[in-house]
N, C-alpha and C. Protein backbone atom coordinates (compact mmCIF):
# COMPACT_ATOMS: atom_id res chain seq x y z
N UNK A 1 -33.97 54.35 30.49
CA UNK A 1 -33.11 53.19 30.35
C UNK A 1 -33.20 52.67 28.92
N UNK A 2 -32.10 52.14 28.45
CA UNK A 2 -32.09 51.53 27.13
C UNK A 2 -31.02 50.46 27.11
N UNK A 3 -30.99 49.73 26.03
CA UNK A 3 -30.01 48.67 25.89
C UNK A 3 -28.68 49.24 25.43
N UNK A 4 -27.63 49.01 26.19
CA UNK A 4 -26.28 49.39 25.78
C UNK A 4 -25.53 48.12 25.37
N UNK A 5 -24.32 48.29 24.87
CA UNK A 5 -23.58 47.14 24.34
C UNK A 5 -23.29 46.11 25.43
N UNK A 6 -23.03 46.54 26.64
CA UNK A 6 -22.78 45.60 27.74
C UNK A 6 -24.00 44.72 28.00
N UNK A 7 -25.17 45.33 28.04
CA UNK A 7 -26.40 44.57 28.26
C UNK A 7 -26.67 43.62 27.10
N UNK A 8 -26.46 44.09 25.88
CA UNK A 8 -26.70 43.26 24.69
C UNK A 8 -25.79 42.04 24.72
N UNK A 9 -24.52 42.24 25.03
CA UNK A 9 -23.58 41.10 25.09
C UNK A 9 -23.99 40.11 26.17
N UNK A 10 -24.46 40.61 27.29
CA UNK A 10 -24.91 39.73 28.38
C UNK A 10 -26.13 38.92 27.95
N UNK A 11 -27.07 39.56 27.25
CA UNK A 11 -28.27 38.88 26.75
C UNK A 11 -27.89 37.80 25.75
N UNK A 12 -27.06 38.17 24.77
CA UNK A 12 -26.64 37.20 23.75
C UNK A 12 -25.90 36.03 24.39
N UNK A 13 -25.00 36.32 25.31
CA UNK A 13 -24.22 35.27 25.96
C UNK A 13 -25.09 34.28 26.73
N UNK A 14 -26.08 34.80 27.43
CA UNK A 14 -26.97 33.92 28.20
C UNK A 14 -27.78 33.02 27.28
N UNK A 15 -28.25 33.56 26.17
CA UNK A 15 -29.02 32.75 25.21
C UNK A 15 -28.14 31.65 24.62
N UNK A 16 -26.90 31.99 24.27
CA UNK A 16 -25.99 30.99 23.70
C UNK A 16 -25.61 29.93 24.73
N UNK A 17 -25.41 30.35 25.97
CA UNK A 17 -25.11 29.38 27.03
C UNK A 17 -26.25 28.39 27.19
N UNK A 18 -27.48 28.89 27.13
CA UNK A 18 -28.64 28.01 27.24
C UNK A 18 -28.67 27.02 26.08
N UNK A 19 -28.39 27.50 24.87
CA UNK A 19 -28.37 26.62 23.69
C UNK A 19 -27.32 25.52 23.86
N UNK A 20 -26.15 25.89 24.34
CA UNK A 20 -25.10 24.89 24.57
C UNK A 20 -25.57 23.86 25.58
N UNK A 21 -26.23 24.33 26.63
CA UNK A 21 -26.76 23.43 27.65
C UNK A 21 -27.81 22.48 27.10
N UNK A 22 -28.55 22.95 26.12
CA UNK A 22 -29.58 22.10 25.49
C UNK A 22 -28.99 21.22 24.40
N UNK A 23 -27.73 21.45 24.05
CA UNK A 23 -27.08 20.67 23.01
C UNK A 23 -27.53 21.03 21.60
N UNK A 24 -27.90 22.29 21.41
CA UNK A 24 -28.36 22.74 20.09
C UNK A 24 -27.55 23.94 19.64
N UNK A 25 -27.65 24.27 18.36
CA UNK A 25 -27.06 25.48 17.83
C UNK A 25 -28.17 26.44 17.45
N UNK A 26 -27.95 27.72 17.72
CA UNK A 26 -28.95 28.73 17.41
C UNK A 26 -28.31 29.97 16.82
N UNK A 27 -29.13 30.80 16.26
CA UNK A 27 -28.81 32.19 15.99
C UNK A 27 -29.69 33.00 16.92
N UNK A 28 -29.12 34.00 17.55
CA UNK A 28 -29.88 34.86 18.46
C UNK A 28 -29.65 36.31 18.03
N UNK A 29 -30.74 37.08 18.05
CA UNK A 29 -30.71 38.48 17.62
C UNK A 29 -31.37 39.34 18.69
N UNK A 30 -30.75 40.49 18.96
CA UNK A 30 -31.32 41.48 19.88
C UNK A 30 -31.51 42.78 19.10
N UNK A 31 -32.69 43.36 19.24
CA UNK A 31 -33.01 44.64 18.61
C UNK A 31 -33.44 45.64 19.67
N UNK A 32 -33.38 46.93 19.33
CA UNK A 32 -33.87 47.95 20.25
C UNK A 32 -35.38 48.09 20.13
N UNK A 33 -35.96 49.06 20.85
CA UNK A 33 -37.42 49.21 20.87
C UNK A 33 -37.98 49.59 19.50
N UNK A 34 -37.15 50.09 18.61
CA UNK A 34 -37.58 50.43 17.26
C UNK A 34 -37.35 49.30 16.26
N UNK A 35 -36.86 48.17 16.75
CA UNK A 35 -36.62 47.01 15.88
C UNK A 35 -35.28 47.04 15.16
N UNK A 36 -34.39 47.95 15.55
CA UNK A 36 -33.08 48.08 14.90
C UNK A 36 -32.08 47.13 15.55
N UNK A 37 -31.28 46.48 14.73
CA UNK A 37 -30.31 45.50 15.19
C UNK A 37 -29.30 46.10 16.15
N UNK A 38 -29.14 45.44 17.31
CA UNK A 38 -28.12 45.82 18.28
C UNK A 38 -27.04 44.75 18.38
N UNK A 39 -27.41 43.50 18.16
CA UNK A 39 -26.44 42.42 18.26
C UNK A 39 -26.99 41.12 17.72
N UNK A 40 -26.07 40.27 17.22
CA UNK A 40 -26.45 38.98 16.66
C UNK A 40 -25.30 38.02 16.86
N UNK A 41 -25.62 36.78 17.18
CA UNK A 41 -24.63 35.71 17.24
C UNK A 41 -25.22 34.48 16.55
N UNK A 42 -24.40 33.86 15.72
CA UNK A 42 -24.79 32.62 15.04
C UNK A 42 -23.76 31.57 15.39
N UNK A 43 -24.22 30.50 16.03
CA UNK A 43 -23.32 29.43 16.43
C UNK A 43 -22.84 28.67 15.19
N UNK A 44 -21.68 28.10 15.29
CA UNK A 44 -21.09 27.36 14.18
C UNK A 44 -22.00 26.20 13.76
N UNK A 45 -22.17 26.07 12.45
CA UNK A 45 -22.94 24.96 11.90
C UNK A 45 -24.44 25.15 11.86
N UNK A 46 -24.92 26.31 12.30
CA UNK A 46 -26.36 26.57 12.32
C UNK A 46 -26.83 26.92 10.91
N UNK A 47 -28.00 26.44 10.54
CA UNK A 47 -28.54 26.72 9.20
C UNK A 47 -28.60 28.21 8.93
N UNK A 48 -28.32 28.58 7.68
CA UNK A 48 -28.24 30.00 7.32
C UNK A 48 -29.57 30.72 7.48
N UNK A 49 -30.69 30.07 7.28
CA UNK A 49 -32.00 30.72 7.37
C UNK A 49 -32.38 31.17 8.76
N UNK A 50 -31.64 30.71 9.76
CA UNK A 50 -31.98 31.07 11.14
C UNK A 50 -31.77 32.55 11.42
N UNK A 51 -30.88 33.21 10.67
CA UNK A 51 -30.66 34.64 10.90
C UNK A 51 -31.92 35.44 10.60
N UNK A 52 -32.55 35.16 9.47
CA UNK A 52 -33.77 35.88 9.12
C UNK A 52 -34.91 35.55 10.08
N UNK A 53 -34.99 34.31 10.50
CA UNK A 53 -36.07 33.91 11.41
C UNK A 53 -35.88 34.54 12.78
N UNK A 54 -34.68 34.42 13.35
CA UNK A 54 -34.42 35.01 14.66
C UNK A 54 -34.60 36.52 14.63
N UNK A 55 -34.09 37.16 13.57
CA UNK A 55 -34.25 38.60 13.44
C UNK A 55 -35.70 39.01 13.31
N UNK A 56 -36.47 38.23 12.57
CA UNK A 56 -37.90 38.51 12.43
C UNK A 56 -38.65 38.35 13.73
N UNK A 57 -38.28 37.35 14.52
CA UNK A 57 -38.93 37.16 15.83
C UNK A 57 -38.62 38.34 16.75
N UNK A 58 -37.36 38.77 16.77
CA UNK A 58 -36.97 39.89 17.62
C UNK A 58 -37.68 41.17 17.19
N UNK A 59 -37.68 41.44 15.87
CA UNK A 59 -38.36 42.62 15.34
C UNK A 59 -39.85 42.60 15.67
N UNK A 60 -40.48 41.46 15.47
CA UNK A 60 -41.91 41.32 15.73
C UNK A 60 -42.24 41.65 17.18
N UNK A 61 -41.44 41.12 18.10
CA UNK A 61 -41.68 41.37 19.53
C UNK A 61 -41.53 42.84 19.87
N UNK A 62 -40.47 43.47 19.35
CA UNK A 62 -40.25 44.89 19.65
C UNK A 62 -41.30 45.77 18.98
N UNK A 63 -41.60 45.51 17.71
CA UNK A 63 -42.51 46.36 16.96
C UNK A 63 -43.93 46.33 17.50
N UNK A 64 -44.37 45.16 17.93
CA UNK A 64 -45.74 45.01 18.41
C UNK A 64 -45.83 44.99 19.93
N UNK A 65 -44.68 45.08 20.59
CA UNK A 65 -44.58 45.11 22.06
C UNK A 65 -45.33 43.96 22.71
N UNK A 66 -45.12 42.79 22.12
CA UNK A 66 -45.68 41.54 22.68
C UNK A 66 -44.82 40.39 22.18
N UNK A 67 -44.86 39.30 22.89
CA UNK A 67 -44.09 38.14 22.47
C UNK A 67 -44.58 37.67 21.11
N UNK A 68 -43.65 37.27 20.26
CA UNK A 68 -43.96 37.00 18.86
C UNK A 68 -45.02 35.94 18.65
N UNK A 69 -45.10 34.97 19.54
CA UNK A 69 -46.05 33.88 19.33
C UNK A 69 -47.47 34.21 19.79
N UNK A 70 -47.68 35.40 20.35
CA UNK A 70 -49.05 35.75 20.78
C UNK A 70 -49.57 36.97 20.01
N UNK A 71 -49.16 37.06 18.77
CA UNK A 71 -49.69 38.11 17.90
C UNK A 71 -51.20 37.95 17.77
N UNK A 72 -51.93 39.04 17.71
CA UNK A 72 -53.37 38.92 17.54
C UNK A 72 -53.69 38.34 16.17
N UNK A 73 -54.79 37.62 16.06
CA UNK A 73 -55.16 37.08 14.74
C UNK A 73 -55.43 38.22 13.76
N UNK A 74 -54.85 38.10 12.60
CA UNK A 74 -55.04 39.11 11.56
C UNK A 74 -55.77 38.45 10.40
N UNK A 75 -56.85 39.04 9.91
CA UNK A 75 -57.65 38.39 8.88
C UNK A 75 -56.89 38.13 7.58
N UNK A 76 -55.85 38.92 7.29
CA UNK A 76 -55.11 38.74 6.05
C UNK A 76 -53.86 37.89 6.25
N UNK A 77 -53.61 37.43 7.45
CA UNK A 77 -52.37 36.73 7.74
C UNK A 77 -52.42 35.28 7.27
N UNK A 78 -51.47 34.92 6.44
CA UNK A 78 -51.36 33.54 5.99
C UNK A 78 -49.95 33.01 6.17
N UNK A 79 -49.07 33.79 6.72
CA UNK A 79 -47.68 33.43 6.93
C UNK A 79 -46.96 34.67 7.39
N UNK A 80 -45.68 34.76 7.11
CA UNK A 80 -44.98 35.97 7.50
C UNK A 80 -45.31 37.09 6.52
N UNK A 81 -45.14 38.32 6.96
CA UNK A 81 -45.40 39.49 6.12
C UNK A 81 -44.44 40.58 6.55
N UNK A 82 -44.46 41.71 5.88
CA UNK A 82 -43.53 42.79 6.20
C UNK A 82 -44.25 44.02 6.74
N UNK A 83 -43.56 44.67 7.65
CA UNK A 83 -43.97 45.96 8.19
C UNK A 83 -42.74 46.85 8.13
N UNK A 84 -42.88 48.00 7.51
CA UNK A 84 -41.76 48.95 7.38
C UNK A 84 -40.54 48.27 6.77
N UNK A 85 -40.77 47.38 5.82
CA UNK A 85 -39.68 46.71 5.14
C UNK A 85 -39.00 45.60 5.91
N UNK A 86 -39.52 45.26 7.06
CA UNK A 86 -38.93 44.21 7.90
C UNK A 86 -39.88 43.03 7.99
N UNK A 87 -39.32 41.85 8.07
CA UNK A 87 -40.11 40.62 8.12
C UNK A 87 -40.72 40.43 9.50
N UNK A 88 -42.01 40.22 9.55
CA UNK A 88 -42.71 39.90 10.79
C UNK A 88 -42.80 38.39 10.87
N UNK A 89 -42.32 37.83 11.97
CA UNK A 89 -42.30 36.38 12.15
C UNK A 89 -42.98 36.05 13.48
N UNK A 90 -44.28 35.79 13.44
CA UNK A 90 -45.03 35.53 14.68
C UNK A 90 -44.92 34.07 15.13
N UNK A 91 -43.71 33.69 15.56
CA UNK A 91 -43.45 32.32 15.99
C UNK A 91 -42.86 32.30 17.39
N UNK A 92 -42.97 31.18 18.05
CA UNK A 92 -42.41 31.02 19.39
C UNK A 92 -40.90 31.23 19.35
N UNK A 93 -40.39 31.92 20.36
CA UNK A 93 -38.96 32.19 20.45
C UNK A 93 -38.62 33.66 20.33
N UNK A 94 -39.61 34.51 20.12
CA UNK A 94 -39.41 35.95 20.10
C UNK A 94 -40.04 36.56 21.34
N UNK A 95 -39.27 37.33 22.08
CA UNK A 95 -39.76 37.92 23.33
C UNK A 95 -39.49 39.41 23.39
N UNK A 96 -40.36 40.11 24.07
CA UNK A 96 -40.16 41.52 24.38
C UNK A 96 -39.10 41.62 25.47
N UNK A 97 -38.21 42.57 25.34
CA UNK A 97 -37.25 42.87 26.40
C UNK A 97 -37.73 44.10 27.14
N UNK A 98 -37.84 43.99 28.46
CA UNK A 98 -38.33 45.10 29.27
C UNK A 98 -37.37 45.40 30.40
N UNK A 99 -37.30 46.67 30.75
CA UNK A 99 -36.66 47.11 31.97
C UNK A 99 -37.76 47.78 32.77
N UNK A 100 -38.16 47.13 33.84
CA UNK A 100 -39.35 47.57 34.56
C UNK A 100 -40.55 47.34 33.67
N UNK A 101 -41.36 48.38 33.49
CA UNK A 101 -42.53 48.27 32.62
C UNK A 101 -42.27 48.78 31.22
N UNK A 102 -41.07 49.25 30.95
CA UNK A 102 -40.75 49.88 29.67
C UNK A 102 -40.15 48.86 28.69
N UNK A 103 -40.71 48.80 27.48
CA UNK A 103 -40.15 47.97 26.42
C UNK A 103 -38.88 48.64 25.91
N UNK A 104 -37.77 47.87 25.94
CA UNK A 104 -36.50 48.41 25.47
C UNK A 104 -35.98 47.67 24.23
N UNK A 105 -36.70 46.60 23.83
CA UNK A 105 -36.26 45.88 22.65
C UNK A 105 -36.93 44.53 22.52
N UNK A 106 -36.28 43.68 21.73
CA UNK A 106 -36.79 42.33 21.51
C UNK A 106 -35.62 41.38 21.30
N UNK A 107 -35.87 40.11 21.57
CA UNK A 107 -34.89 39.05 21.36
C UNK A 107 -35.57 37.95 20.57
N UNK A 108 -34.84 37.36 19.66
CA UNK A 108 -35.34 36.23 18.89
C UNK A 108 -34.27 35.18 18.75
N UNK A 109 -34.65 33.92 18.92
CA UNK A 109 -33.74 32.79 18.76
C UNK A 109 -34.33 31.84 17.75
N UNK A 110 -33.47 31.21 16.96
CA UNK A 110 -33.92 30.23 15.97
C UNK A 110 -32.81 29.20 15.76
N UNK A 111 -33.22 27.96 15.55
CA UNK A 111 -32.27 26.88 15.29
C UNK A 111 -32.68 25.58 15.93
N UNK A 112 -33.45 25.67 16.99
CA UNK A 112 -33.94 24.47 17.65
C UNK A 112 -35.42 24.30 17.38
N UNK A 113 -36.08 23.53 18.22
CA UNK A 113 -37.53 23.48 18.15
C UNK A 113 -38.06 24.81 18.67
N UNK A 114 -39.33 25.07 18.49
CA UNK A 114 -39.90 26.30 19.03
C UNK A 114 -39.69 26.42 20.52
N UNK A 115 -39.90 25.33 21.24
CA UNK A 115 -39.73 25.35 22.70
C UNK A 115 -38.28 25.62 23.08
N UNK A 116 -37.33 25.03 22.35
CA UNK A 116 -35.92 25.29 22.63
C UNK A 116 -35.55 26.74 22.33
N UNK A 117 -36.06 27.25 21.22
CA UNK A 117 -35.82 28.65 20.89
C UNK A 117 -36.35 29.55 22.00
N UNK A 118 -37.53 29.24 22.50
CA UNK A 118 -38.13 30.02 23.57
C UNK A 118 -37.25 29.97 24.83
N UNK A 119 -36.77 28.79 25.19
CA UNK A 119 -35.91 28.67 26.37
C UNK A 119 -34.65 29.53 26.23
N UNK A 120 -34.07 29.55 25.04
CA UNK A 120 -32.87 30.35 24.81
C UNK A 120 -33.19 31.84 24.92
N UNK A 121 -34.28 32.28 24.33
CA UNK A 121 -34.69 33.69 24.43
C UNK A 121 -35.03 34.06 25.86
N UNK A 122 -35.67 33.17 26.59
CA UNK A 122 -35.99 33.43 27.99
C UNK A 122 -34.72 33.61 28.82
N UNK A 123 -33.72 32.77 28.55
CA UNK A 123 -32.44 32.89 29.27
C UNK A 123 -31.80 34.24 28.96
N UNK A 124 -31.85 34.64 27.69
CA UNK A 124 -31.31 35.94 27.34
C UNK A 124 -32.05 37.08 28.01
N UNK A 125 -33.36 37.02 27.98
CA UNK A 125 -34.18 38.07 28.60
C UNK A 125 -33.94 38.14 30.10
N UNK A 126 -33.77 36.99 30.73
CA UNK A 126 -33.53 36.95 32.18
C UNK A 126 -32.19 37.61 32.55
N UNK A 127 -31.24 37.61 31.62
CA UNK A 127 -29.93 38.22 31.87
C UNK A 127 -29.99 39.74 31.88
N UNK A 128 -31.07 40.30 31.35
CA UNK A 128 -31.22 41.74 31.32
C UNK A 128 -31.48 42.25 32.72
């Protein structure tokens, strides 16, 4: 199983619906298990930096196969860093996407508080 365009659109739509329900604007990004971009949506009026943050959260979750906010402590970590040329963003709002026990990708949301971002990503993940 893997993420196809229909699944990606459903995930993105659910995350955006949650954001609307919370009264916030977000950018949401979905990547495959290798951290490659499959889909992105940025709501009108959302700060431009949210694309890099949401993408970094999604990549982090997929690359390390764990939710972005529970990265293991790294002795050299003082902020974000890069792996394979991609930004690692270990912040709340990045989740692993699974089908059964298999990691198929990651989702990241940015634009609200950390808790709001998490709620939007959870709604997207639940749509899978």
